[in-house]
Amino acid sequence: MRAISVFHALPLSGYTDEEINARMKKEDAEIKQLFESCGIDIVILHPHMEPITDELEIHQTRHMNLRYFGLSLAEGISKADIVCFGHGWRKAKGCVTEQFISATYDIPYNENKKMYTPEYI
């Protein structure tokens, strides 16, 4: 059986890297446990967080948050079988936009833990 790809969308703005990593680790474990309890192997994809170091790209980018968001779409949601939203997603512009994109492009997504189940995939 192939593993399905799950994009884990969660709020990033206003959190330190340490807080984000701790939340990712905790919520990733919850997501994995729920899917594995249904007999489904998963690969979790995360928002793009690697620093952009190319000086020309930094100089040419007017809206760095939007640049990172675009990379998350290209490297995450576009490759996902399902999108799972983390705690507090409704208060984050990026997550709300990711939910809209998921709905618009018919990518299954959840709005709460009970929807992590396979019948939504």
N, C-alpha and C. Protein backbone atom coordinates (compact mmCIF):
# COMPACT_ATOMS: atom_id res chain seq x y z
N MET A 1 0.84 -1.18 0.00
CA MET A 1 0.00 0.00 0.00
C MET A 1 0.88 1.25 0.00
N ARG A 2 0.55 2.20 -0.86
CA ARG A 2 1.33 3.43 -0.88
C ARG A 2 0.89 4.34 0.26
N ALA A 3 1.78 5.17 0.67
CA ALA A 3 1.44 6.15 1.70
C ALA A 3 0.75 7.33 1.04
N ILE A 4 -0.22 7.90 1.74
CA ILE A 4 -0.84 9.11 1.23
C ILE A 4 -0.10 10.31 1.81
N SER A 5 -0.17 11.42 1.09
CA SER A 5 0.50 12.65 1.52
C SER A 5 -0.52 13.55 2.21
N VAL A 6 -0.16 13.99 3.40
CA VAL A 6 -1.01 14.86 4.20
C VAL A 6 -0.28 16.18 4.42
N PHE A 7 -0.88 17.28 3.97
CA PHE A 7 -0.29 18.60 4.24
C PHE A 7 -0.84 19.07 5.57
N HIS A 8 0.05 19.38 6.49
CA HIS A 8 -0.32 19.85 7.82
C HIS A 8 -0.25 21.38 7.82
N ALA A 9 -1.41 22.01 7.70
CA ALA A 9 -1.49 23.47 7.70
C ALA A 9 -1.71 23.95 9.12
N LEU A 10 -0.89 24.89 9.55
CA LEU A 10 -1.05 25.44 10.89
C LEU A 10 -0.57 26.88 10.90
N PRO A 11 -1.09 27.69 11.83
CA PRO A 11 -0.66 29.09 11.90
C PRO A 11 0.83 29.20 12.21
N LEU A 12 1.50 30.11 11.51
CA LEU A 12 2.93 30.33 11.72
C LEU A 12 3.22 31.73 12.26
N SER A 13 2.48 32.71 11.81
CA SER A 13 2.74 34.10 12.21
C SER A 13 2.54 34.29 13.71
N GLY A 14 3.50 34.99 14.30
CA GLY A 14 3.42 35.29 15.72
C GLY A 14 3.99 34.22 16.62
N TYR A 15 4.51 33.14 16.03
CA TYR A 15 5.10 32.06 16.81
C TYR A 15 6.59 31.98 16.53
N THR A 16 7.36 31.57 17.53
CA THR A 16 8.79 31.36 17.33
C THR A 16 8.98 30.03 16.62
N ASP A 17 10.16 29.84 16.05
CA ASP A 17 10.46 28.56 15.40
C ASP A 17 10.32 27.40 16.38
N GLU A 18 10.72 27.61 17.62
CA GLU A 18 10.62 26.56 18.63
C GLU A 18 9.17 26.22 18.91
N GLU A 19 8.31 27.24 19.02
CA GLU A 19 6.89 26.99 19.26
C GLU A 19 6.25 26.26 18.07
N ILE A 20 6.60 26.68 16.87
CA ILE A 20 6.08 26.04 15.67
C ILE A 20 6.51 24.58 15.61
N ASN A 21 7.78 24.33 15.84
CA ASN A 21 8.29 22.95 15.80
C ASN A 21 7.65 22.07 16.86
N ALA A 22 7.42 22.62 18.06
CA ALA A 22 6.77 21.85 19.12
C ALA A 22 5.33 21.52 18.73
N ARG A 23 4.61 22.49 18.18
CA ARG A 23 3.23 22.26 17.75
C ARG A 23 3.19 21.24 16.62
N MET A 24 4.11 21.38 15.65
CA MET A 24 4.14 20.43 14.53
C MET A 24 4.35 19.01 15.04
N LYS A 25 5.29 18.85 15.94
CA LYS A 25 5.61 17.53 16.46
C LYS A 25 4.39 16.92 17.15
N LYS A 26 3.73 17.71 18.00
CA LYS A 26 2.55 17.21 18.73
C LYS A 26 1.41 16.89 17.78
N GLU A 27 1.08 17.81 16.88
CA GLU A 27 -0.05 17.61 15.97
C GLU A 27 0.26 16.54 14.92
N ASP A 28 1.52 16.46 14.46
CA ASP A 28 1.92 15.39 13.53
C ASP A 28 1.66 14.02 14.15
N ALA A 29 2.01 13.88 15.42
CA ALA A 29 1.80 12.59 16.11
C ALA A 29 0.31 12.26 16.17
N GLU A 30 -0.53 13.27 16.43
CA GLU A 30 -1.98 13.04 16.47
C GLU A 30 -2.51 12.63 15.10
N ILE A 31 -2.06 13.31 14.06
CA ILE A 31 -2.49 13.00 12.69
C ILE A 31 -2.06 11.58 12.32
N LYS A 32 -0.79 11.24 12.58
CA LYS A 32 -0.29 9.90 12.27
C LYS A 32 -1.09 8.83 13.01
N GLN A 33 -1.34 9.05 14.28
CA GLN A 33 -2.07 8.07 15.08
C GLN A 33 -3.47 7.85 14.51
N LEU A 34 -4.14 8.91 14.13
CA LEU A 34 -5.50 8.77 13.61
C LEU A 34 -5.52 8.01 12.29
N PHE A 35 -4.60 8.33 11.39
CA PHE A 35 -4.57 7.61 10.11
C PHE A 35 -4.12 6.17 10.29
N GLU A 36 -3.09 5.97 11.10
CA GLU A 36 -2.58 4.62 11.30
C GLU A 36 -3.60 3.73 11.99
N SER A 37 -4.45 4.31 12.84
CA SER A 37 -5.50 3.51 13.48
C SER A 37 -6.51 3.01 12.45
N CYS A 38 -6.54 3.65 11.29
CA CYS A 38 -7.41 3.21 10.18
C CYS A 38 -6.64 2.37 9.17
N GLY A 39 -5.36 2.06 9.47
CA GLY A 39 -4.55 1.22 8.59
C GLY A 39 -3.98 1.97 7.38
N ILE A 40 -3.81 3.28 7.51
CA ILE A 40 -3.31 4.08 6.39
C ILE A 40 -1.93 4.63 6.73
N ASP A 41 -0.96 4.38 5.85
CA ASP A 41 0.37 4.97 6.01
C ASP A 41 0.34 6.37 5.43
N ILE A 42 1.00 7.29 6.11
CA ILE A 42 1.01 8.67 5.62
C ILE A 42 2.41 9.26 5.63
N VAL A 43 2.57 10.26 4.78
CA VAL A 43 3.75 11.11 4.76
C VAL A 43 3.22 12.51 5.02
N ILE A 44 3.78 13.19 6.02
CA ILE A 44 3.30 14.52 6.36
C ILE A 44 4.17 15.58 5.69
N LEU A 45 3.50 16.49 4.99
CA LEU A 45 4.15 17.64 4.35
C LEU A 45 3.88 18.86 5.20
N HIS A 46 4.86 19.76 5.27
CA HIS A 46 4.73 20.96 6.10
C HIS A 46 4.86 22.23 5.27
N PRO A 47 4.39 23.35 5.84
CA PRO A 47 4.60 24.63 5.17
C PRO A 47 6.10 24.90 4.98
N HIS A 48 6.42 25.65 3.94
CA HIS A 48 7.82 25.99 3.67
C HIS A 48 8.32 26.94 4.75
N MET A 49 9.40 26.55 5.41
CA MET A 49 9.95 27.38 6.48
C MET A 49 11.45 27.63 6.34
N GLU A 50 12.07 27.00 5.35
CA GLU A 50 13.50 27.19 5.17
C GLU A 50 13.77 28.65 4.79
N PRO A 51 14.78 29.26 5.38
CA PRO A 51 15.08 30.66 5.05
C PRO A 51 15.47 30.82 3.58
N ILE A 52 14.99 31.88 2.98
CA ILE A 52 15.41 32.22 1.63
C ILE A 52 16.70 33.01 1.76
N THR A 53 17.77 32.50 1.13
CA THR A 53 19.09 33.11 1.32
C THR A 53 19.62 33.80 0.07
N ASP A 54 18.98 33.57 -1.07
CA ASP A 54 19.43 34.19 -2.32
C ASP A 54 19.21 35.70 -2.24
N GLU A 55 20.30 36.46 -2.26
CA GLU A 55 20.22 37.92 -2.09
C GLU A 55 19.36 38.59 -3.16
N LEU A 56 19.48 38.14 -4.42
CA LEU A 56 18.69 38.72 -5.49
C LEU A 56 17.20 38.46 -5.27
N GLU A 57 16.87 37.23 -4.89
CA GLU A 57 15.47 36.90 -4.62
C GLU A 57 14.94 37.72 -3.45
N ILE A 58 15.74 37.89 -2.41
CA ILE A 58 15.33 38.70 -1.26
C ILE A 58 15.11 40.14 -1.71
N HIS A 59 16.00 40.66 -2.52
CA HIS A 59 15.90 42.04 -2.99
C HIS A 59 14.66 42.23 -3.87
N GLN A 60 14.33 41.26 -4.70
CA GLN A 60 13.21 41.38 -5.63
C GLN A 60 11.86 41.09 -4.99
N THR A 61 11.83 40.46 -3.84
CA THR A 61 10.57 40.07 -3.20
C THR A 61 10.06 41.21 -2.33
N ARG A 62 8.87 41.68 -2.66
CA ARG A 62 8.26 42.78 -1.91
C ARG A 62 7.45 42.28 -0.72
N HIS A 63 6.91 41.07 -0.83
CA HIS A 63 6.04 40.53 0.22
C HIS A 63 6.55 39.14 0.57
N MET A 64 7.50 39.09 1.49
CA MET A 64 8.18 37.83 1.82
C MET A 64 7.21 36.78 2.36
N ASN A 65 6.21 37.18 3.17
CA ASN A 65 5.24 36.21 3.68
C ASN A 65 4.49 35.54 2.53
N LEU A 66 4.18 36.30 1.50
CA LEU A 66 3.49 35.75 0.33
C LEU A 66 4.41 34.81 -0.45
N ARG A 67 5.70 35.14 -0.47
CA ARG A 67 6.66 34.26 -1.14
C ARG A 67 6.70 32.89 -0.47
N TYR A 68 6.78 32.89 0.88
CA TYR A 68 6.78 31.64 1.62
C TYR A 68 5.47 30.89 1.42
N PHE A 69 4.35 31.62 1.40
CA PHE A 69 3.04 31.01 1.17
C PHE A 69 3.01 30.32 -0.19
N GLY A 70 3.53 30.99 -1.21
CA GLY A 70 3.57 30.40 -2.55
C GLY A 70 4.41 29.13 -2.58
N LEU A 71 5.53 29.13 -1.88
CA LEU A 71 6.36 27.93 -1.81
C LEU A 71 5.64 26.80 -1.09
N SER A 72 4.87 27.13 -0.06
CA SER A 72 4.09 26.11 0.65
C SER A 72 3.03 25.51 -0.26
N LEU A 73 2.42 26.34 -1.09
CA LEU A 73 1.44 25.80 -2.05
C LEU A 73 2.12 24.87 -3.04
N ALA A 74 3.25 25.31 -3.58
CA ALA A 74 3.95 24.52 -4.59
C ALA A 74 4.56 23.24 -4.02
N GLU A 75 5.10 23.30 -2.83
CA GLU A 75 5.80 22.16 -2.25
C GLU A 75 4.93 21.32 -1.32
N GLY A 76 3.77 21.84 -0.95
CA GLY A 76 2.93 21.14 0.01
C GLY A 76 1.57 20.78 -0.52
N ILE A 77 0.69 21.74 -0.57
CA ILE A 77 -0.70 21.46 -0.93
C ILE A 77 -0.82 20.83 -2.31
N SER A 78 -0.01 21.28 -3.26
CA SER A 78 -0.12 20.73 -4.62
C SER A 78 0.25 19.25 -4.67
N LYS A 79 0.96 18.75 -3.65
CA LYS A 79 1.37 17.35 -3.61
C LYS A 79 0.56 16.52 -2.62
N ALA A 80 -0.41 17.15 -1.96
CA ALA A 80 -1.15 16.49 -0.88
C ALA A 80 -2.38 15.74 -1.38
N ASP A 81 -2.63 14.61 -0.73
CA ASP A 81 -3.89 13.89 -0.94
C ASP A 81 -4.99 14.47 -0.07
N ILE A 82 -4.61 15.02 1.08
CA ILE A 82 -5.54 15.64 2.01
C ILE A 82 -4.79 16.73 2.78
N VAL A 83 -5.51 17.75 3.20
CA VAL A 83 -4.94 18.83 4.00
C VAL A 83 -5.57 18.76 5.38
N CYS A 84 -4.75 18.72 6.42
CA CYS A 84 -5.23 18.71 7.80
C CYS A 84 -4.84 20.03 8.46
N PHE A 85 -5.81 20.71 9.01
CA PHE A 85 -5.56 22.00 9.62
C PHE A 85 -5.33 21.86 11.11
N GLY A 86 -4.28 22.54 11.59
CA GLY A 86 -3.91 22.49 12.99
C GLY A 86 -4.72 23.46 13.83
N HIS A 87 -4.54 23.36 15.13
CA HIS A 87 -5.26 24.18 16.11
C HIS A 87 -5.09 25.67 15.79
N GLY A 88 -6.19 26.39 15.81
CA GLY A 88 -6.16 27.83 15.61
C GLY A 88 -6.11 28.29 14.16
N TRP A 89 -6.33 27.37 13.22
CA TRP A 89 -6.17 27.70 11.80
C TRP A 89 -7.13 28.78 11.34
N ARG A 90 -8.33 28.86 11.90
CA ARG A 90 -9.33 29.84 11.45
C ARG A 90 -8.91 31.28 11.71
N LYS A 91 -7.92 31.48 12.57
CA LYS A 91 -7.46 32.83 12.90
C LYS A 91 -6.25 33.25 12.07
N ALA A 92 -5.78 32.37 11.19
CA ALA A 92 -4.58 32.64 10.40
C ALA A 92 -4.94 32.86 8.93
N LYS A 93 -4.53 34.01 8.38
CA LYS A 93 -4.84 34.33 6.98
C LYS A 93 -4.39 33.23 6.03
N GLY A 94 -3.18 32.74 6.24
CA GLY A 94 -2.65 31.71 5.34
C GLY A 94 -3.47 30.44 5.38
N CYS A 95 -3.85 30.00 6.58
CA CYS A 95 -4.64 28.76 6.70
C CYS A 95 -6.03 28.92 6.10
N VAL A 96 -6.64 30.09 6.32
CA VAL A 96 -7.96 30.33 5.73
C VAL A 96 -7.86 30.30 4.21
N THR A 97 -6.80 30.87 3.67
CA THR A 97 -6.59 30.85 2.22
C THR A 97 -6.32 29.44 1.74
N GLU A 98 -5.55 28.66 2.50
CA GLU A 98 -5.28 27.26 2.14
C GLU A 98 -6.57 26.44 2.15
N GLN A 99 -7.47 26.72 3.08
CA GLN A 99 -8.76 26.02 3.11
C GLN A 99 -9.57 26.39 1.87
N PHE A 100 -9.58 27.66 1.50
CA PHE A 100 -10.30 28.11 0.31
C PHE A 100 -9.73 27.43 -0.94
N ILE A 101 -8.41 27.38 -1.04
CA ILE A 101 -7.76 26.74 -2.18
C ILE A 101 -8.10 25.24 -2.22
N SER A 102 -8.05 24.59 -1.06
CA SER A 102 -8.39 23.17 -1.00
C SER A 102 -9.81 22.93 -1.48
N ALA A 103 -10.74 23.74 -1.02
CA ALA A 103 -12.14 23.60 -1.43
C ALA A 103 -12.31 23.89 -2.92
N THR A 104 -11.65 24.92 -3.41
CA THR A 104 -11.77 25.31 -4.80
C THR A 104 -11.21 24.25 -5.74
N TYR A 105 -10.11 23.62 -5.36
CA TYR A 105 -9.47 22.62 -6.21
C TYR A 105 -9.83 21.19 -5.83
N ASP A 106 -10.87 21.03 -5.04
CA ASP A 106 -11.37 19.70 -4.65
C ASP A 106 -10.32 18.82 -4.00
N ILE A 107 -9.49 19.43 -3.16
CA ILE A 107 -8.53 18.67 -2.36
C ILE A 107 -9.20 18.40 -1.02
N PRO A 108 -9.37 17.14 -0.64
CA PRO A 108 -10.02 16.86 0.64
C PRO A 108 -9.28 17.55 1.78
N TYR A 109 -10.03 18.05 2.73
CA TYR A 109 -9.43 18.71 3.88
C TYR A 109 -10.30 18.48 5.10
N ASN A 110 -9.74 18.75 6.26
CA ASN A 110 -10.48 18.62 7.49
C ASN A 110 -10.62 19.98 8.14
N GLU A 111 -11.60 20.09 8.98
CA GLU A 111 -11.75 21.29 9.79
C GLU A 111 -11.64 20.96 11.27
N ASN A 112 -11.68 19.69 11.59
CA ASN A 112 -11.48 19.26 12.97
C ASN A 112 -11.04 17.80 12.98
N LYS A 113 -10.63 17.31 14.11
CA LYS A 113 -10.02 15.98 14.19
C LYS A 113 -10.90 14.86 13.69
N LYS A 114 -12.21 14.96 13.88
CA LYS A 114 -13.05 13.84 13.48
C LYS A 114 -13.05 13.62 11.98
N MET A 115 -12.58 14.60 11.21
CA MET A 115 -12.57 14.47 9.76
C MET A 115 -11.24 13.95 9.23
N TYR A 116 -10.33 13.51 10.08
CA TYR A 116 -9.07 12.94 9.61
C TYR A 116 -9.27 11.53 9.07
N THR A 117 -10.46 10.99 9.12
CA THR A 117 -10.70 9.60 8.77
C THR A 117 -10.69 9.36 7.28
N PRO A 118 -10.43 8.13 6.84
CA PRO A 118 -10.23 7.80 5.44
C PRO A 118 -11.41 8.11 4.52
N GLU A 119 -12.64 8.07 5.02
CA GLU A 119 -13.76 8.30 4.13
C GLU A 119 -13.77 9.70 3.52
N TYR A 120 -12.95 10.60 4.05
CA TYR A 120 -12.86 11.95 3.51
C TYR A 120 -11.74 12.09 2.49
N ILE A 121 -11.04 11.00 2.21
CA ILE A 121 -9.91 11.06 1.28
C ILE A 121 -10.39 10.68 -0.10
